[in-house]
C-alpha atoms as a PDB file:
ATOM      1  CA  UNK A   1     -63.158  38.779  88.268  1.00  0.00           C
ATOM      2  CA  UNK A   2     -60.969  38.877  85.152  1.00  0.00           C
ATOM      3  CA  UNK A   3     -64.047  38.221  83.003  1.00  0.00           C
ATOM      4  CA  UNK A   4     -65.855  41.146  84.602  1.00  0.00           C
ATOM      5  CA  UNK A   5     -62.891  43.457  83.990  1.00  0.00           C
ATOM      6  CA  UNK A   6     -62.724  42.291  80.370  1.00  0.00           C
ATOM      7  CA  UNK A   7     -66.448  42.852  79.862  1.00  0.00           C
ATOM      8  CA  UNK A   8     -66.264  46.316  81.439  1.00  0.00           C
ATOM      9  CA  UNK A   9     -63.224  47.202  79.357  1.00  0.00           C
ATOM     10  CA  UNK A  10     -64.923  46.107  76.141  1.00  0.00           C
ATOM     11  CA  UNK A  11     -68.094  47.942  77.064  1.00  0.00           C
ATOM     12  CA  UNK A  12     -66.168  51.126  77.784  1.00  0.00           C
ATOM     13  CA  UNK A  13     -64.208  50.825  74.537  1.00  0.00           C
ATOM     14  CA  UNK A  14     -67.463  50.530  72.611  1.00  0.00           C
ATOM     15  CA  UNK A  15     -69.170  53.451  74.339  1.00  0.00           C
ATOM     16  CA  UNK A  16     -70.097  56.551  72.378  1.00  0.00           C
ATOM     17  CA  UNK A  17     -67.799  59.554  72.586  1.00  0.00           C
ATOM     18  CA  UNK A  18     -70.112  61.474  74.926  1.00  0.00           C
ATOM     19  CA  UNK A  19     -69.628  58.704  77.473  1.00  0.00           C
ATOM     20  CA  UNK A  20     -65.856  59.166  77.277  1.00  0.00           C
ATOM     21  CA  UNK A  21     -66.287  62.905  77.638  1.00  0.00           C
ATOM     22  CA  UNK A  22     -68.388  62.180  80.712  1.00  0.00           C
ATOM     23  CA  UNK A  23     -65.643  59.869  82.001  1.00  0.00           C
ATOM     24  CA  UNK A  24     -63.106  62.677  81.548  1.00  0.00           C
ATOM     25  CA  UNK A  25     -65.427  64.961  83.457  1.00  0.00           C
ATOM     26  CA  UNK A  26     -66.065  62.384  86.205  1.00  0.00           C
ATOM     27  CA  UNK A  27     -62.340  61.719  86.572  1.00  0.00           C
ATOM     28  CA  UNK A  28     -61.726  65.506  86.892  1.00  0.00           C
ATOM     29  CA  UNK A  29     -59.473  65.585  83.824  1.00  0.00           C
ATOM     30  CA  UNK A  30     -60.813  69.035  82.939  1.00  0.00           C
ATOM     31  CA  UNK A  31     -59.511  70.445  86.226  1.00  0.00           C
ATOM     32  CA  UNK A  32     -56.046  70.504  84.662  1.00  0.00           C
ATOM     33  CA  UNK A  33     -56.772  69.930  80.965  1.00  0.00           C
ATOM     34  CA  UNK A  34     -59.418  72.597  80.395  1.00  0.00           C
ATOM     35  CA  UNK A  35     -59.792  74.812  77.314  1.00  0.00           C
ATOM     36  CA  UNK A  36     -57.436  77.311  78.918  1.00  0.00           C
ATOM     37  CA  UNK A  37     -54.025  75.961  79.828  1.00  0.00           C
ATOM     38  CA  UNK A  38     -53.367  75.799  83.556  1.00  0.00           C
ATOM     39  CA  UNK A  39     -50.218  75.007  85.487  1.00  0.00           C
ATOM     40  CA  UNK A  40     -48.402  73.781  82.409  1.00  0.00           C
ATOM     41  CA  UNK A  41     -50.868  70.962  81.690  1.00  0.00           C
ATOM     42  CA  UNK A  42     -51.849  70.724  78.016  1.00  0.00           C
ATOM     43  CA  UNK A  43     -55.446  71.384  77.045  1.00  0.00           C
ATOM     44  CA  UNK A  44     -57.678  68.451  76.127  1.00  0.00           C
ATOM     45  CA  UNK A  45     -57.582  69.622  72.488  1.00  0.00           C
ATOM     46  CA  UNK A  46     -53.780  69.553  72.531  1.00  0.00           C
ATOM     47  CA  UNK A  47     -53.783  66.059  74.032  1.00  0.00           C
ATOM     48  CA  UNK A  48     -56.143  64.933  71.274  1.00  0.00           C
ATOM     49  CA  UNK A  49     -53.844  66.440  68.618  1.00  0.00           C
ATOM     50  CA  UNK A  50     -51.002  64.294  69.915  1.00  0.00           C
ATOM     51  CA  UNK A  51     -53.123  61.166  70.403  1.00  0.00           C
ATOM     52  CA  UNK A  52     -54.625  61.163  66.893  1.00  0.00           C
ATOM     53  CA  UNK A  53     -51.578  59.235  65.654  1.00  0.00           C
ATOM     54  CA  UNK A  54     -52.761  56.318  67.833  1.00  0.00           C
ATOM     55  CA  UNK A  55     -56.136  56.054  66.088  1.00  0.00           C
ATOM     56  CA  UNK A  56     -56.916  52.489  65.082  1.00  0.00           C
ATOM     57  CA  UNK A  57     -53.782  51.059  66.716  1.00  0.00           C
ATOM     58  CA  UNK A  58     -55.040  49.103  69.718  1.00  0.00           C
ATOM     59  CA  UNK A  59     -51.544  48.131  70.884  1.00  0.00           C
ATOM     60  CA  UNK A  60     -50.382  51.767  70.841  1.00  0.00           C
ATOM     61  CA  UNK A  61     -53.529  52.916  72.658  1.00  0.00           C
ATOM     62  CA  UNK A  62     -53.024  50.267  75.331  1.00  0.00           C
ATOM     63  CA  UNK A  63     -49.353  51.264  75.708  1.00  0.00           C
ATOM     64  CA  UNK A  64     -50.296  54.959  75.978  1.00  0.00           C
ATOM     65  CA  UNK A  65     -52.881  54.075  78.636  1.00  0.00           C
ATOM     66  CA  UNK A  66     -50.232  52.202  80.605  1.00  0.00           C
ATOM     67  CA  UNK A  67     -47.881  55.186  80.323  1.00  0.00           C
ATOM     68  CA  UNK A  68     -50.655  57.492  81.493  1.00  0.00           C
ATOM     69  CA  UNK A  69     -51.075  55.397  84.651  1.00  0.00           C
ATOM     70  CA  UNK A  70     -47.347  54.858  85.272  1.00  0.00           C
ATOM     71  CA  UNK A  71     -45.770  56.391  88.338  1.00  0.00           C
ATOM     72  CA  UNK A  72     -43.225  59.039  87.562  1.00  0.00           C
ATOM     73  CA  UNK A  73     -40.695  60.281  90.057  1.00  0.00           C
ATOM     74  CA  UNK A  74     -40.099  63.396  87.949  1.00  0.00           C
ATOM     75  CA  UNK A  75     -43.714  64.511  87.453  1.00  0.00           C
ATOM     76  CA  UNK A  76     -45.968  62.418  89.707  1.00  0.00           C
ATOM     77  CA  UNK A  77     -49.642  62.837  88.878  1.00  0.00           C
ATOM     78  CA  UNK A  78     -51.670  60.994  91.488  1.00  0.00           C
ATOM     79  CA  UNK A  79     -54.926  61.284  89.530  1.00  0.00           C
ATOM     80  CA  UNK A  80     -53.354  59.492  86.558  1.00  0.00           C
ATOM     81  CA  UNK A  81     -51.945  56.780  88.800  1.00  0.00           C
ATOM     82  CA  UNK A  82     -55.392  56.114  90.290  1.00  0.00           C
ATOM     83  CA  UNK A  83     -57.038  55.490  86.906  1.00  0.00           C
ATOM     84  CA  UNK A  84     -58.100  51.917  86.295  1.00  0.00           C
ATOM     85  CA  UNK A  85     -56.559  50.255  83.241  1.00  0.00           C
ATOM     86  CA  UNK A  86     -59.979  50.241  81.539  1.00  0.00           C
ATOM     87  CA  UNK A  87     -60.625  53.929  82.257  1.00  0.00           C
ATOM     88  CA  UNK A  88     -57.155  54.938  81.051  1.00  0.00           C
ATOM     89  CA  UNK A  89     -57.600  52.959  77.845  1.00  0.00           C
ATOM     90  CA  UNK A  90     -61.052  54.444  77.254  1.00  0.00           C
ATOM     91  CA  UNK A  91     -59.684  57.951  77.711  1.00  0.00           C
ATOM     92  CA  UNK A  92     -56.763  57.295  75.356  1.00  0.00           C
ATOM     93  CA  UNK A  93     -59.091  55.800  72.731  1.00  0.00           C
ATOM     94  CA  UNK A  94     -61.377  58.850  73.047  1.00  0.00           C
ATOM     95  CA  UNK A  95     -58.424  61.210  72.690  1.00  0.00           C
ATOM     96  CA  UNK A  96     -57.189  59.290  69.635  1.00  0.00           C
ATOM     97  CA  UNK A  97     -60.587  59.847  68.021  1.00  0.00           C
ATOM     98  CA  UNK A  98     -60.286  63.600  68.522  1.00  0.00           C
ATOM     99  CA  UNK A  99     -61.948  63.873  71.970  1.00  0.00           C
ATOM    100  CA  UNK A 100     -65.284  64.913  70.481  1.00  0.00           C
END
């Protein structure tokens, strides 16, 4: 099982950017992070602006993915908490590359 998760994680990390954009769409990220800001959630472009500093730093991307999935008593976001570790890391890697 761990091997399968590793293989899927590596495959997702190596996917082209359109696949990550599709993942963001499939995970309904654009419901809150659309081009127009809704309910205080930053736009996808704004998230990418902040994530660009992670580019090329695998440890920082992994840490950001873990933070994305972490439960927060102050601002709980159930959708984030339901992300798999591989999906969260793929999304963070995509954002760090500019979310193109």
